[in-house]
Amino acid sequence: AGVALGLSILTKGLEGIAIVGVGFAVYLLATRTLTRRLVLLGMLVVVAAALVALPWYLAMDAREPGYLRYYFLNRHLLGFTTETQRHGGQPWWYYLPVLIAGGLPWIVYVRRHALSDLPGKFLWIWPAASLVLLSLSNSKAVTYILPVIPAVAIVAARSEAVVRQWRGVASAMTIVYAGALVTAGPTVAYTHSSTDLTDYFNNEGRLPD
């Protein structure tokens, strides 16, 4: 768990810790299963995650002095509390249609009875708590909600309808996604090329000199 969390920090900064921490903490409080042992285990997981991610961040700051301040203060703290970052200014409900559209077609198969036991409660607390956290942030982007989508798929997988119909639905969605990849993939790849990312970070992202 610590290694996986550390890799999420390398991928998306502190968002991984925030989403995992909020979802798990709310679950433990809601189900009254919080114990000292779980707190200690959680601390060990965070320490392990830090050991995985820290060397890369320290190397980046050594190569680009001021990187840590830029990334964690500007991009994280100011991005969450202010609208000064590129993804600021979105409405509070920004993620609701994104979550619904991103969860299709599996979100159609979500049933309340699949959420009644302890695993089920975790599966609805995970996306609900994450959605609230991300909606409170002033910096919003479609990709930020991606860690929540697996919860929708897992809940749908507990539905009897999915057990009976998943082959047809999965085959249809495979065709749709493959078609989208073929038709839109080259354009998306070109607009998000290394040149585009370099311009973004150096000009709009204002990387430290």
C-alpha atoms as a PDB file:
ATOM      1  CA  ALA A   1       0.000   0.000   0.000  1.00  0.00           C
ATOM      2  CA  GLY A   2       2.834   2.371   0.829  1.00  0.00           C
ATOM      3  CA  VAL A   3       4.592   1.704  -2.480  1.00  0.00           C
ATOM      4  CA  ALA A   4       1.367   2.218  -4.426  1.00  0.00           C
ATOM      5  CA  LEU A   5       0.672   5.455  -2.565  1.00  0.00           C
ATOM      6  CA  GLY A   6       4.235   6.610  -3.217  1.00  0.00           C
ATOM      7  CA  LEU A   7       3.796   5.950  -6.928  1.00  0.00           C
ATOM      8  CA  SER A   8       0.585   7.994  -6.875  1.00  0.00           C
ATOM      9  CA  ILE A   9       2.545  10.894  -5.337  1.00  0.00           C
ATOM     10  CA  LEU A  10       5.085  10.625  -8.134  1.00  0.00           C
ATOM     11  CA  THR A  11       2.243  10.649 -10.654  1.00  0.00           C
ATOM     12  CA  LYS A  12      -0.026  13.381  -9.275  1.00  0.00           C
ATOM     13  CA  GLY A  13       1.549  14.880  -6.177  1.00  0.00           C
ATOM     14  CA  LEU A  14      -0.469  14.975  -2.978  1.00  0.00           C
ATOM     15  CA  GLU A  15      -3.789  14.261  -4.678  1.00  0.00           C
ATOM     16  CA  GLY A  16      -3.267  10.546  -4.104  1.00  0.00           C
ATOM     17  CA  ILE A  17      -2.793  10.991  -0.359  1.00  0.00           C
ATOM     18  CA  ALA A  18      -5.726  13.415  -0.159  1.00  0.00           C
ATOM     19  CA  ILE A  19      -8.201  11.133  -1.953  1.00  0.00           C
ATOM     20  CA  VAL A  20      -7.104   7.968  -0.147  1.00  0.00           C
ATOM     21  CA  GLY A  21      -6.879   9.710   3.215  1.00  0.00           C
ATOM     22  CA  VAL A  22     -10.260  11.455   3.038  1.00  0.00           C
ATOM     23  CA  GLY A  23     -12.107   8.405   1.730  1.00  0.00           C
ATOM     24  CA  PHE A  24     -10.584   5.987   4.237  1.00  0.00           C
ATOM     25  CA  ALA A  25     -10.915   8.384   7.185  1.00  0.00           C
ATOM     26  CA  VAL A  26     -14.603   9.062   6.495  1.00  0.00           C
ATOM     27  CA  TYR A  27     -15.223   5.327   6.114  1.00  0.00           C
ATOM     28  CA  LEU A  28     -13.571   4.504   9.430  1.00  0.00           C
ATOM     29  CA  LEU A  29     -15.498   7.247  11.229  1.00  0.00           C
ATOM     30  CA  ALA A  30     -18.819   6.351   9.598  1.00  0.00           C
ATOM     31  CA  THR A  31     -18.486   2.648  10.415  1.00  0.00           C
ATOM     32  CA  ARG A  32     -16.876   3.284  13.821  1.00  0.00           C
ATOM     33  CA  THR A  33     -13.992   0.965  13.016  1.00  0.00           C
ATOM     34  CA  LEU A  34     -11.154   3.409  13.725  1.00  0.00           C
ATOM     35  CA  THR A  35      -8.544   1.882  16.043  1.00  0.00           C
ATOM     36  CA  ARG A  36      -5.092   2.839  17.257  1.00  0.00           C
ATOM     37  CA  ARG A  37      -3.625  -0.041  15.261  1.00  0.00           C
ATOM     38  CA  LEU A  38      -5.124   1.302  12.023  1.00  0.00           C
ATOM     39  CA  VAL A  39      -3.772   4.770  12.800  1.00  0.00           C
ATOM     40  CA  LEU A  40      -0.267   3.340  13.276  1.00  0.00           C
ATOM     41  CA  LEU A  41      -0.553   1.295  10.091  1.00  0.00           C
ATOM     42  CA  GLY A  42      -1.699   4.395   8.235  1.00  0.00           C
ATOM     43  CA  MET A  43       1.325   6.306   9.479  1.00  0.00           C
ATOM     44  CA  LEU A  44       3.631   3.503   8.312  1.00  0.00           C
ATOM     45  CA  VAL A  45       1.986   3.564   4.879  1.00  0.00           C
ATOM     46  CA  VAL A  46       2.556   7.336   4.606  1.00  0.00           C
ATOM     47  CA  VAL A  47       6.208   6.933   5.668  1.00  0.00           C
ATOM     48  CA  ALA A  48       6.720   4.196   3.067  1.00  0.00           C
ATOM     49  CA  ALA A  49       5.074   6.394   0.421  1.00  0.00           C
ATOM     50  CA  ALA A  50       7.368   9.281   1.334  1.00  0.00           C
ATOM     51  CA  LEU A  51      10.439   7.046   1.007  1.00  0.00           C
ATOM     52  CA  VAL A  52       9.305   6.045  -2.488  1.00  0.00           C
ATOM     53  CA  ALA A  53       8.527   9.553  -3.731  1.00  0.00           C
ATOM     54  CA  LEU A  54      10.982  11.786  -1.859  1.00  0.00           C
ATOM     55  CA  PRO A  55      14.198  10.929  -3.738  1.00  0.00           C
ATOM     56  CA  TRP A  56      12.709  12.038  -7.072  1.00  0.00           C
ATOM     57  CA  TYR A  57      11.363  15.308  -5.676  1.00  0.00           C
ATOM     58  CA  LEU A  58      14.660  16.080  -3.966  1.00  0.00           C
ATOM     59  CA  ALA A  59      16.509  15.366  -7.218  1.00  0.00           C
ATOM     60  CA  MET A  60      14.141  17.668  -9.108  1.00  0.00           C
ATOM     61  CA  ASP A  61      14.649  20.466  -6.583  1.00  0.00           C
ATOM     62  CA  ALA A  62      18.413  20.014  -6.789  1.00  0.00           C
ATOM     63  CA  ARG A  63      18.276  20.320 -10.563  1.00  0.00           C
ATOM     64  CA  GLU A  64      15.662  23.112 -10.609  1.00  0.00           C
ATOM     65  CA  PRO A  65      16.023  25.106  -7.367  1.00  0.00           C
ATOM     66  CA  GLY A  66      12.616  26.272  -6.164  1.00  0.00           C
ATOM     67  CA  TYR A  67      10.752  23.350  -7.742  1.00  0.00           C
ATOM     68  CA  LEU A  68       9.384  22.056  -4.422  1.00  0.00           C
ATOM     69  CA  ARG A  69       8.030  25.477  -3.509  1.00  0.00           C
ATOM     70  CA  TYR A  70       6.498  25.907  -6.947  1.00  0.00           C
ATOM     71  CA  TYR A  71       4.941  22.459  -7.094  1.00  0.00           C
ATOM     72  CA  PHE A  72       3.605  22.067  -3.571  1.00  0.00           C
ATOM     73  CA  LEU A  73       2.889  25.700  -2.666  1.00  0.00           C
ATOM     74  CA  ASN A  74       1.760  27.159  -5.987  1.00  0.00           C
ATOM     75  CA  ARG A  75       0.288  24.133  -7.711  1.00  0.00           C
ATOM     76  CA  HIS A  76      -1.146  22.391  -4.653  1.00  0.00           C
ATOM     77  CA  LEU A  77      -1.934  24.873  -1.867  1.00  0.00           C
ATOM     78  CA  LEU A  78      -2.710  27.927  -4.000  1.00  0.00           C
ATOM     79  CA  GLY A  79      -4.435  25.736  -6.574  1.00  0.00           C
ATOM     80  CA  PHE A  80      -6.772  24.393  -3.893  1.00  0.00           C
ATOM     81  CA  THR A  81      -7.493  27.647  -2.070  1.00  0.00           C
ATOM     82  CA  THR A  82      -7.376  30.249  -4.870  1.00  0.00           C
ATOM     83  CA  GLU A  83      -8.233  30.646  -8.561  1.00  0.00           C
ATOM     84  CA  THR A  84      -4.705  31.712  -9.531  1.00  0.00           C
ATOM     85  CA  GLN A  85      -3.843  28.453 -11.310  1.00  0.00           C
ATOM     86  CA  ARG A  86      -4.702  27.476 -14.884  1.00  0.00           C
ATOM     87  CA  HIS A  87      -7.584  25.167 -13.917  1.00  0.00           C
ATOM     88  CA  GLY A  88      -9.275  27.679 -11.624  1.00  0.00           C
ATOM     89  CA  GLY A  89     -12.665  29.298 -12.008  1.00  0.00           C
ATOM     90  CA  GLN A  90     -14.781  26.177 -12.563  1.00  0.00           C
ATOM     91  CA  PRO A  91     -18.215  25.862 -10.840  1.00  0.00           C
ATOM     92  CA  TRP A  92     -18.611  23.657  -7.745  1.00  0.00           C
ATOM     93  CA  TRP A  93     -20.685  21.094  -9.708  1.00  0.00           C
ATOM     94  CA  TYR A  94     -17.979  20.681 -12.359  1.00  0.00           C
ATOM     95  CA  TYR A  95     -17.261  17.036 -11.484  1.00  0.00           C
ATOM     96  CA  LEU A  96     -20.868  15.805 -11.331  1.00  0.00           C
ATOM     97  CA  PRO A  97     -21.408  15.452 -15.107  1.00  0.00           C
ATOM     98  CA  VAL A  98     -17.813  14.289 -15.500  1.00  0.00           C
ATOM     99  CA  LEU A  99     -18.352  11.497 -12.965  1.00  0.00           C
ATOM    100  CA  ILE A 100     -21.639  10.429 -14.535  1.00  0.00           C
ATOM    101  CA  ALA A 101     -20.274  10.470 -18.084  1.00  0.00           C
ATOM    102  CA  GLY A 102     -17.007   8.854 -17.029  1.00  0.00           C
ATOM    103  CA  GLY A 103     -18.876   6.098 -15.216  1.00  0.00           C
ATOM    104  CA  LEU A 104     -20.935   5.112 -18.248  1.00  0.00           C
ATOM    105  CA  PRO A 105     -22.127   2.538 -18.956  1.00  0.00           C
ATOM    106  CA  TRP A 106     -21.410   0.883 -15.615  1.00  0.00           C
ATOM    107  CA  ILE A 107     -22.957   3.622 -13.480  1.00  0.00           C
ATOM    108  CA  VAL A 108     -26.347   2.583 -14.883  1.00  0.00           C
ATOM    109  CA  TYR A 109     -25.991  -0.757 -13.097  1.00  0.00           C
ATOM    110  CA  VAL A 110     -25.272   0.664  -9.637  1.00  0.00           C
ATOM    111  CA  ARG A 111     -27.875  -0.607  -7.158  1.00  0.00           C
ATOM    112  CA  ARG A 112     -28.478   0.490  -3.573  1.00  0.00           C
ATOM    113  CA  HIS A 113     -28.494  -3.043  -2.175  1.00  0.00           C
ATOM    114  CA  ALA A 114     -24.910  -3.485  -3.387  1.00  0.00           C
ATOM    115  CA  LEU A 115     -23.863  -0.767  -0.935  1.00  0.00           C
ATOM    116  CA  SER A 116     -25.382  -2.139   2.267  1.00  0.00           C
ATOM    117  CA  ASP A 117     -22.479  -4.209   3.686  1.00  0.00           C
ATOM    118  CA  LEU A 118     -19.121  -2.866   4.879  1.00  0.00           C
ATOM    119  CA  PRO A 119     -17.338  -3.218   1.500  1.00  0.00           C
ATOM    120  CA  GLY A 120     -20.333  -1.578  -0.137  1.00  0.00           C
ATOM    121  CA  LYS A 121     -20.258   1.321   2.309  1.00  0.00           C
ATOM    122  CA  PHE A 122     -16.603   1.868   1.534  1.00  0.00           C
ATOM    123  CA  LEU A 123     -17.375   1.853  -2.182  1.00  0.00           C
ATOM    124  CA  TRP A 124     -19.875   4.701  -1.893  1.00  0.00           C
ATOM    125  CA  ILE A 125     -17.917   6.667   0.710  1.00  0.00           C
ATOM    126  CA  TRP A 126     -14.801   6.529  -1.495  1.00  0.00           C
ATOM    127  CA  PRO A 127     -16.318   8.437  -4.466  1.00  0.00           C
ATOM    128  CA  ALA A 128     -18.603  10.616  -2.322  1.00  0.00           C
ATOM    129  CA  ALA A 129     -15.820  11.900  -0.046  1.00  0.00           C
ATOM    130  CA  SER A 130     -13.451  12.340  -2.982  1.00  0.00           C
ATOM    131  CA  LEU A 131     -16.109  14.223  -4.949  1.00  0.00           C
ATOM    132  CA  VAL A 132     -16.674  16.640  -2.054  1.00  0.00           C
ATOM    133  CA  LEU A 133     -12.933  17.197  -1.613  1.00  0.00           C
ATOM    134  CA  LEU A 134     -12.313  17.821  -5.303  1.00  0.00           C
ATOM    135  CA  SER A 135     -15.368  20.076  -5.581  1.00  0.00           C
ATOM    136  CA  LEU A 136     -14.071  22.248  -2.730  1.00  0.00           C
ATOM    137  CA  SER A 137     -10.846  22.863  -4.649  1.00  0.00           C
ATOM    138  CA  ASN A 138     -10.630  25.996  -6.782  1.00  0.00           C
ATOM    139  CA  SER A 139      -8.495  24.162  -9.330  1.00  0.00           C
ATOM    140  CA  LYS A 140     -10.491  21.570 -11.277  1.00  0.00           C
ATOM    141  CA  ALA A 141      -9.643  19.366 -14.251  1.00  0.00           C
ATOM    142  CA  VAL A 142     -11.216  16.266 -15.759  1.00  0.00           C
ATOM    143  CA  THR A 143      -8.217  14.084 -14.964  1.00  0.00           C
ATOM    144  CA  TYR A 144      -8.437  14.841 -11.234  1.00  0.00           C
ATOM    145  CA  ILE A 145     -11.596  12.720 -10.911  1.00  0.00           C
ATOM    146  CA  LEU A 146     -10.072   9.613 -12.523  1.00  0.00           C
ATOM    147  CA  PRO A 147      -9.151   7.910  -9.177  1.00  0.00           C
ATOM    148  CA  VAL A 148     -12.872   7.873  -8.331  1.00  0.00           C
ATOM    149  CA  ILE A 149     -14.037   6.035 -11.472  1.00  0.00           C
ATOM    150  CA  PRO A 150     -12.849   2.543 -10.348  1.00  0.00           C
ATOM    151  CA  ALA A 151     -15.273   2.696  -7.408  1.00  0.00           C
ATOM    152  CA  VAL A 152     -18.170   3.038  -9.856  1.00  0.00           C
ATOM    153  CA  ALA A 153     -16.954   0.031 -11.846  1.00  0.00           C
ATOM    154  CA  ILE A 154     -16.530  -2.103  -8.700  1.00  0.00           C
ATOM    155  CA  VAL A 155     -20.004  -1.230  -7.400  1.00  0.00           C
ATOM    156  CA  ALA A 156     -21.504  -2.016 -10.799  1.00  0.00           C
ATOM    157  CA  ALA A 157     -19.668  -5.349 -10.826  1.00  0.00           C
ATOM    158  CA  ARG A 158     -21.618  -6.324  -7.697  1.00  0.00           C
ATOM    159  CA  SER A 159     -24.887  -5.975  -9.582  1.00  0.00           C
ATOM    160  CA  GLU A 160     -26.616  -9.151 -10.791  1.00  0.00           C
ATOM    161  CA  ALA A 161     -27.476  -7.394 -14.046  1.00  0.00           C
ATOM    162  CA  VAL A 162     -23.790  -6.893 -14.838  1.00  0.00           C
ATOM    163  CA  VAL A 163     -23.075 -10.551 -14.079  1.00  0.00           C
ATOM    164  CA  ARG A 164     -25.661 -11.504 -16.704  1.00  0.00           C
ATOM    165  CA  GLN A 165     -24.947  -8.819 -19.318  1.00  0.00           C
ATOM    166  CA  TRP A 166     -21.329  -7.749 -18.935  1.00  0.00           C
ATOM    167  CA  ARG A 167     -20.039  -9.464 -22.071  1.00  0.00           C
ATOM    168  CA  GLY A 168     -22.335  -7.564 -24.406  1.00  0.00           C
ATOM    169  CA  VAL A 169     -21.825  -4.240 -22.647  1.00  0.00           C
ATOM    170  CA  ALA A 170     -18.049  -4.659 -22.477  1.00  0.00           C
ATOM    171  CA  SER A 171     -17.868  -5.636 -26.157  1.00  0.00           C
ATOM    172  CA  ALA A 172     -19.950  -2.630 -27.205  1.00  0.00           C
ATOM    173  CA  MET A 173     -17.852  -0.219 -25.117  1.00  0.00           C
ATOM    174  CA  THR A 174     -14.638  -1.736 -26.487  1.00  0.00           C
ATOM    175  CA  ILE A 175     -15.826  -0.928 -29.999  1.00  0.00           C
ATOM    176  CA  VAL A 176     -16.787   2.618 -28.973  1.00  0.00           C
ATOM    177  CA  TYR A 177     -13.461   3.309 -27.222  1.00  0.00           C
ATOM    178  CA  ALA A 178     -11.427   1.755 -30.034  1.00  0.00           C
ATOM    179  CA  GLY A 179     -13.269   3.934 -32.547  1.00  0.00           C
ATOM    180  CA  ALA A 180     -12.658   7.038 -30.445  1.00  0.00           C
ATOM    181  CA  LEU A 181      -8.977   6.151 -30.130  1.00  0.00           C
ATOM    182  CA  VAL A 182      -8.561   5.735 -33.860  1.00  0.00           C
ATOM    183  CA  THR A 183     -10.483   8.882 -34.826  1.00  0.00           C
ATOM    184  CA  ALA A 184      -9.444  11.283 -32.057  1.00  0.00           C
ATOM    185  CA  GLY A 185      -6.231   9.716 -30.776  1.00  0.00           C
ATOM    186  CA  PRO A 186      -3.786  11.339 -33.240  1.00  0.00           C
ATOM    187  CA  THR A 187      -5.267  14.803 -32.658  1.00  0.00           C
ATOM    188  CA  VAL A 188      -5.154  14.439 -28.883  1.00  0.00           C
ATOM    189  CA  ALA A 189      -1.590  13.119 -29.011  1.00  0.00           C
ATOM    190  CA  TYR A 190      -0.496  16.050 -31.166  1.00  0.00           C
ATOM    191  CA  THR A 191      -2.132  18.714 -28.971  1.00  0.00           C
ATOM    192  CA  HIS A 192      -0.569  17.175 -25.851  1.00  0.00           C
ATOM    193  CA  SER A 193       2.870  16.636 -27.300  1.00  0.00           C
ATOM    194  CA  SER A 194       6.112  17.279 -25.442  1.00  0.00           C
ATOM    195  CA  THR A 195       6.312  20.701 -27.077  1.00  0.00           C
ATOM    196  CA  ASP A 196       2.857  21.578 -25.782  1.00  0.00           C
ATOM    197  CA  LEU A 197       3.768  20.449 -22.262  1.00  0.00           C
ATOM    198  CA  THR A 198       7.032  22.389 -22.350  1.00  0.00           C
ATOM    199  CA  ASP A 199       5.200  25.579 -23.326  1.00  0.00           C
ATOM    200  CA  TYR A 200       2.623  24.978 -20.609  1.00  0.00           C
ATOM    201  CA  PHE A 201       5.113  24.517 -17.789  1.00  0.00           C
ATOM    202  CA  ASN A 202       7.585  27.171 -18.863  1.00  0.00           C
ATOM    203  CA  ASN A 203       5.104  29.886 -19.864  1.00  0.00           C
ATOM    204  CA  GLU A 204       1.721  29.345 -18.231  1.00  0.00           C
ATOM    205  CA  GLY A 205       2.948  27.149 -15.395  1.00  0.00           C
ATOM    206  CA  ARG A 206       5.721  29.600 -14.551  1.00  0.00           C
ATOM    207  CA  LEU A 207       8.380  27.105 -13.544  1.00  0.00           C
ATOM    208  CA  PRO A 208      11.130  28.726 -11.451  1.00  0.00           C
ATOM    209  CA  ASP A 209      14.109  29.935 -13.412  1.00  0.00           C
END
